[in-house]
C-alpha atoms as a PDB file:
ATOM      1  CA  MET A   1       7.231 -18.677 -14.197  1.00  0.00           C
ATOM      2  CA  SER A   2       8.185 -19.608 -10.912  1.00  0.00           C
ATOM      3  CA  LEU A   3       9.524 -23.635 -10.636  1.00  0.00           C
ATOM      4  CA  TYR A   4       7.324 -23.303  -7.679  1.00  0.00           C
ATOM      5  CA  HIS A   5       3.999 -24.104  -6.090  1.00  0.00           C
ATOM      6  CA  LEU A   6       2.732 -23.525  -2.737  1.00  0.00           C
ATOM      7  CA  ALA A   7       1.639 -25.408  -0.530  1.00  0.00           C
ATOM      8  CA  GLN A   8      -0.770 -25.501   2.202  1.00  0.00           C
ATOM      9  CA  LEU A   9      -1.445 -27.080   5.833  1.00  0.00           C
ATOM     10  CA  ASN A  10      -4.369 -26.217   7.772  1.00  0.00           C
ATOM     11  CA  ILE A  11      -5.761 -28.258  10.900  1.00  0.00           C
ATOM     12  CA  ALA A  12      -8.523 -27.927  13.251  1.00  0.00           C
ATOM     13  CA  ARG A  13      -9.802 -29.429  16.160  1.00  0.00           C
ATOM     14  CA  LEU A  14     -13.726 -30.333  16.224  1.00  0.00           C
ATOM     15  CA  LYS A  15     -15.933 -29.231  18.670  1.00  0.00           C
ATOM     16  CA  ALA A  16     -18.096 -31.315  18.022  1.00  0.00           C
ATOM     17  CA  PRO A  17     -17.935 -34.721  15.405  1.00  0.00           C
ATOM     18  CA  MET A  18     -19.165 -33.346  11.606  1.00  0.00           C
ATOM     19  CA  ASP A  19     -22.422 -35.830  11.424  1.00  0.00           C
ATOM     20  CA  SER A  20     -23.192 -33.770  14.002  1.00  0.00           C
ATOM     21  CA  PRO A  21     -26.578 -30.876  14.221  1.00  0.00           C
ATOM     22  CA  PHE A  22     -24.067 -28.599  16.188  1.00  0.00           C
ATOM     23  CA  MET A  23     -21.848 -29.003  12.634  1.00  0.00           C
ATOM     24  CA  ALA A  24     -24.528 -29.393  10.070  1.00  0.00           C
ATOM     25  CA  ASP A  25     -23.945 -25.080   9.061  1.00  0.00           C
ATOM     26  CA  PHE A  26     -19.982 -26.193   8.487  1.00  0.00           C
ATOM     27  CA  VAL A  27     -20.522 -29.325   6.371  1.00  0.00           C
ATOM     28  CA  ALA A  28     -23.131 -27.559   4.717  1.00  0.00           C
ATOM     29  CA  ASN A  29     -20.975 -25.335   2.743  1.00  0.00           C
ATOM     30  CA  LEU A  30     -18.128 -27.613   2.027  1.00  0.00           C
ATOM     31  CA  ASP A  31     -19.229 -28.118  -1.551  1.00  0.00           C
ATOM     32  CA  ARG A  32     -19.506 -24.443  -2.703  1.00  0.00           C
ATOM     33  CA  ILE A  33     -16.705 -23.721  -1.000  1.00  0.00           C
ATOM     34  CA  ASN A  34     -14.467 -25.846  -1.862  1.00  0.00           C
ATOM     35  CA  ALA A  35     -15.682 -25.801  -5.549  1.00  0.00           C
ATOM     36  CA  LEU A  36     -14.959 -21.587  -5.329  1.00  0.00           C
ATOM     37  CA  ALA A  37     -11.051 -22.798  -4.186  1.00  0.00           C
ATOM     38  CA  GLU A  38     -11.344 -24.948  -7.533  1.00  0.00           C
ATOM     39  CA  ASN A  39     -12.119 -22.684  -9.348  1.00  0.00           C
ATOM     40  CA  SER A  40     -10.274 -19.436  -8.101  1.00  0.00           C
ATOM     41  CA  PRO A  41      -7.451 -18.548  -9.915  1.00  0.00           C
ATOM     42  CA  GLY A  42      -3.699 -19.789  -8.590  1.00  0.00           C
ATOM     43  CA  PHE A  43      -5.639 -22.574  -7.300  1.00  0.00           C
ATOM     44  CA  VAL A  44      -3.517 -26.242  -8.271  1.00  0.00           C
ATOM     45  CA  TRP A  45      -4.506 -28.721  -6.372  1.00  0.00           C
ATOM     46  CA  ARG A  46      -6.498 -30.131  -2.728  1.00  0.00           C
ATOM     47  CA  LEU A  47      -6.488 -33.071  -1.273  1.00  0.00           C
ATOM     48  CA  LYS A  48      -9.838 -34.984  -0.588  1.00  0.00           C
ATOM     49  CA  ASP A  49     -11.158 -38.741  -0.891  1.00  0.00           C
ATOM     50  CA  ASP A  50     -13.380 -40.359  -2.939  1.00  0.00           C
ATOM     51  CA  SER A  51     -16.365 -38.397  -2.083  1.00  0.00           C
ATOM     52  CA  GLY A  52     -14.529 -35.187  -3.575  1.00  0.00           C
ATOM     53  CA  ASP A  53     -14.089 -33.331   0.561  1.00  0.00           C
ATOM     54  CA  ALA A  54     -11.268 -34.120   3.051  1.00  0.00           C
ATOM     55  CA  THR A  55     -13.565 -34.517   6.108  1.00  0.00           C
ATOM     56  CA  ALA A  56     -12.508 -37.482   6.504  1.00  0.00           C
ATOM     57  CA  LEU A  57      -9.129 -37.837   6.360  1.00  0.00           C
ATOM     58  CA  ARG A  58      -7.746 -38.127   9.840  1.00  0.00           C
ATOM     59  CA  PRO A  59      -3.634 -37.918   9.927  1.00  0.00           C
ATOM     60  CA  PHE A  60      -3.265 -36.030  12.686  1.00  0.00           C
ATOM     61  CA  GLU A  61      -6.361 -37.092  15.451  1.00  0.00           C
ATOM     62  CA  ASP A  62      -9.543 -38.231  15.515  1.00  0.00           C
ATOM     63  CA  ASP A  63     -10.520 -35.011  16.443  1.00  0.00           C
ATOM     64  CA  ILE A  64      -8.711 -32.644  13.715  1.00  0.00           C
ATOM     65  CA  ILE A  65      -9.406 -32.292  10.227  1.00  0.00           C
ATOM     66  CA  VAL A  66      -6.748 -31.148   7.513  1.00  0.00           C
ATOM     67  CA  ASN A  67      -6.796 -29.101   4.787  1.00  0.00           C
ATOM     68  CA  MET A  68      -4.680 -28.981   2.058  1.00  0.00           C
ATOM     69  CA  SER A  69      -3.840 -27.089  -0.798  1.00  0.00           C
ATOM     70  CA  VAL A  70      -1.588 -26.340  -3.570  1.00  0.00           C
ATOM     71  CA  TRP A  71      -1.467 -22.760  -5.245  1.00  0.00           C
ATOM     72  CA  THR A  72       0.655 -21.212  -7.870  1.00  0.00           C
ATOM     73  CA  ASP A  73       2.324 -18.702  -4.915  1.00  0.00           C
ATOM     74  CA  VAL A  74       1.408 -16.798  -2.036  1.00  0.00           C
ATOM     75  CA  ALA A  75      -0.944 -14.145  -3.706  1.00  0.00           C
ATOM     76  CA  ALA A  76      -3.497 -16.755  -4.692  1.00  0.00           C
ATOM     77  CA  LEU A  77      -3.921 -18.063  -2.168  1.00  0.00           C
ATOM     78  CA  SER A  78      -4.583 -14.696   0.067  1.00  0.00           C
ATOM     79  CA  ASP A  79      -6.854 -13.799  -2.348  1.00  0.00           C
ATOM     80  CA  TYR A  80      -9.312 -16.667  -2.078  1.00  0.00           C
ATOM     81  CA  ALA A  81      -7.891 -16.722   1.526  1.00  0.00           C
ATOM     82  CA  PHE A  82      -9.353 -13.683   2.606  1.00  0.00           C
ATOM     83  CA  LYS A  83     -10.710 -11.893  -0.392  1.00  0.00           C
ATOM     84  CA  SER A  84     -13.492 -14.292  -1.228  1.00  0.00           C
ATOM     85  CA  ALA A  85     -16.713 -15.509   0.214  1.00  0.00           C
ATOM     86  CA  HIS A  86     -14.286 -18.296   1.896  1.00  0.00           C
ATOM     87  CA  VAL A  87     -13.330 -15.082   4.268  1.00  0.00           C
ATOM     88  CA  GLU A  88     -17.325 -15.875   5.506  1.00  0.00           C
ATOM     89  CA  ILE A  89     -16.386 -19.073   6.919  1.00  0.00           C
ATOM     90  CA  LEU A  90     -13.552 -18.512   7.721  1.00  0.00           C
ATOM     91  CA  ARG A  91     -14.582 -15.567  10.416  1.00  0.00           C
ATOM     92  CA  ARG A  92     -17.109 -18.258  11.790  1.00  0.00           C
ATOM     93  CA  ARG A  93     -14.486 -20.515  12.702  1.00  0.00           C
ATOM     94  CA  ARG A  94     -14.716 -20.118  16.911  1.00  0.00           C
ATOM     95  CA  GLU A  95     -18.344 -21.104  16.018  1.00  0.00           C
ATOM     96  CA  TRP A  96     -16.943 -24.930  14.685  1.00  0.00           C
ATOM     97  CA  PHE A  97     -13.343 -25.660  15.991  1.00  0.00           C
ATOM     98  CA  ASP A  98     -11.469 -25.026  19.346  1.00  0.00           C
ATOM     99  CA  ARG A  99      -8.904 -22.237  19.895  1.00  0.00           C
ATOM    100  CA  MET A 100      -5.738 -24.276  19.498  1.00  0.00           C
ATOM    101  CA  GLU A 101      -2.737 -22.594  21.305  1.00  0.00           C
ATOM    102  CA  ASP A 102       0.376 -23.702  18.776  1.00  0.00           C
ATOM    103  CA  ALA A 103       0.272 -22.839  15.038  1.00  0.00           C
ATOM    104  CA  TYR A 104      -2.130 -24.290  12.648  1.00  0.00           C
ATOM    105  CA  MET A 105      -1.166 -23.402   9.517  1.00  0.00           C
ATOM    106  CA  VAL A 106       1.821 -23.441   7.624  1.00  0.00           C
ATOM    107  CA  LEU A 107       2.870 -23.115   4.482  1.00  0.00           C
ATOM    108  CA  TRP A 108       5.985 -24.097   2.047  1.00  0.00           C
ATOM    109  CA  TRP A 109       7.441 -23.856  -1.445  1.00  0.00           C
ATOM    110  CA  VAL A 110       7.573 -26.885  -3.358  1.00  0.00           C
ATOM    111  CA  PRO A 111       8.411 -28.259  -6.937  1.00  0.00           C
ATOM    112  CA  ALA A 112       6.142 -27.754  -9.493  1.00  0.00           C
ATOM    113  CA  GLY A 113       3.891 -31.347 -10.220  1.00  0.00           C
ATOM    114  CA  HIS A 114       4.333 -32.254  -6.097  1.00  0.00           C
ATOM    115  CA  ILE A 115       1.785 -33.103  -4.249  1.00  0.00           C
ATOM    116  CA  PRO A 116       2.269 -32.984  -0.221  1.00  0.00           C
ATOM    117  CA  THR A 117       2.072 -35.742   1.661  1.00  0.00           C
ATOM    118  CA  ALA A 118       0.449 -35.252   5.110  1.00  0.00           C
ATOM    119  CA  ALA A 119       3.288 -37.014   6.773  1.00  0.00           C
ATOM    120  CA  GLU A 120       5.383 -34.007   5.055  1.00  0.00           C
ATOM    121  CA  ALA A 121       2.746 -31.360   5.637  1.00  0.00           C
ATOM    122  CA  ARG A 122       2.884 -32.735   9.895  1.00  0.00           C
ATOM    123  CA  GLU A 123       7.172 -31.517   9.579  1.00  0.00           C
ATOM    124  CA  ARG A 124       6.721 -28.258   8.237  1.00  0.00           C
ATOM    125  CA  LEU A 125       4.187 -28.124  10.642  1.00  0.00           C
ATOM    126  CA  GLU A 126       6.610 -29.476  13.260  1.00  0.00           C
ATOM    127  CA  HIS A 127       9.339 -27.477  12.645  1.00  0.00           C
ATOM    128  CA  LEU A 128       7.502 -23.713  11.861  1.00  0.00           C
ATOM    129  CA  ARG A 129       6.099 -24.888  15.908  1.00  0.00           C
ATOM    130  CA  GLN A 130       9.368 -24.998  16.909  1.00  0.00           C
ATOM    131  CA  HIS A 131      12.098 -22.938  14.835  1.00  0.00           C
ATOM    132  CA  GLY A 132       9.702 -19.862  14.019  1.00  0.00           C
ATOM    133  CA  ALA A 133       9.258 -18.837  10.457  1.00  0.00           C
ATOM    134  CA  THR A 134      12.009 -20.100   8.082  1.00  0.00           C
ATOM    135  CA  PRO A 135      11.927 -20.580   4.658  1.00  0.00           C
ATOM    136  CA  HIS A 136      11.203 -24.306   4.981  1.00  0.00           C
ATOM    137  CA  ALA A 137       7.574 -23.378   6.921  1.00  0.00           C
ATOM    138  CA  PHE A 138       6.382 -20.424   7.488  1.00  0.00           C
ATOM    139  CA  SER A 139       3.062 -18.636   7.624  1.00  0.00           C
ATOM    140  CA  PHE A 140       1.225 -15.696   5.743  1.00  0.00           C
ATOM    141  CA  ARG A 141       1.916 -13.405   8.887  1.00  0.00           C
ATOM    142  CA  GLN A 142       6.505 -14.034   7.884  1.00  0.00           C
ATOM    143  CA  ALA A 143       6.140 -15.076   3.782  1.00  0.00           C
ATOM    144  CA  TYR A 144       8.829 -16.114   1.717  1.00  0.00           C
ATOM    145  CA  PRO A 145       9.575 -15.675  -1.724  1.00  0.00           C
ATOM    146  CA  ALA A 146       9.737 -19.581  -3.412  1.00  0.00           C
ATOM    147  CA  PRO A 147      13.366 -20.521  -3.815  1.00  0.00           C
ATOM    148  CA  ASP A 148      14.120 -19.525  -7.484  1.00  0.00           C
ATOM    149  CA  ALA A 149      12.644 -16.305  -7.354  1.00  0.00           C
ATOM    150  CA  PRO A 150      14.761 -12.687  -6.826  1.00  0.00           C
ATOM    151  CA  GLY A 151      16.441 -12.336  -3.646  1.00  0.00           C
ATOM    152  CA  ALA A 152      14.973 -15.852  -2.235  1.00  0.00           C
ATOM    153  CA  ASP A 153      18.904 -16.870  -1.844  1.00  0.00           C
ATOM    154  CA  GLN A 154      19.517 -13.713   1.219  1.00  0.00           C
ATOM    155  CA  ALA A 155      16.417 -15.548   2.448  1.00  0.00           C
ATOM    156  CA  ARG A 156      18.032 -19.220   2.844  1.00  0.00           C
ATOM    157  CA  ASP A 157      16.823 -21.063   5.345  1.00  0.00           C
ATOM    158  CA  GLU A 158      19.984 -21.971   7.968  1.00  0.00           C
ATOM    159  CA  SER A 159      18.569 -25.031   9.021  1.00  0.00           C
ATOM    160  CA  GLU A 160      19.127 -26.113   5.360  1.00  0.00           C
ATOM    161  CA  THR A 161      22.655 -25.142   5.248  1.00  0.00           C
ATOM    162  CA  CYS A 162      25.501 -27.113   6.224  1.00  0.00           C
ATOM    163  CA  PRO A 163      27.166 -25.548   9.357  1.00  0.00           C
ATOM    164  CA  ALA A 164      30.572 -25.660   7.990  1.00  0.00           C
ATOM    165  CA  GLU A 165      29.386 -22.925   5.290  1.00  0.00           C
END
């Protein structure tokens, strides 16, 4: 069993305020989709406020909502995101959110038990935007193994090594 978990952040720019009629169907599905995540195999943690939601938290910009969670591994997150009822909402994202030019989702490994911060997530997203996928920050398209996985040393993040090595 790995000593690492997978953290993920995805952001979305709202087309309208969350309390507008335009966003009503999205908001109506939040509790169901959040409960689905929390009951999915491999789920560890998700960002939420006292009401159990994260849409009021705006650590990036006022019109950008965040979703941040931790999973046991890439497969568990992928199964939830693309093989559960979550995919119904994912397919409708253009109804509620503007298309983003830069990367809007990032994955990275954290020590098991670590809860990532918004600042950490922002740094990882910026790293992905500036450097592309590396073991430090990556996406589903180019996922990297956990640092303690067999062969992970062959996929070391060169930005985290000493240049004199």
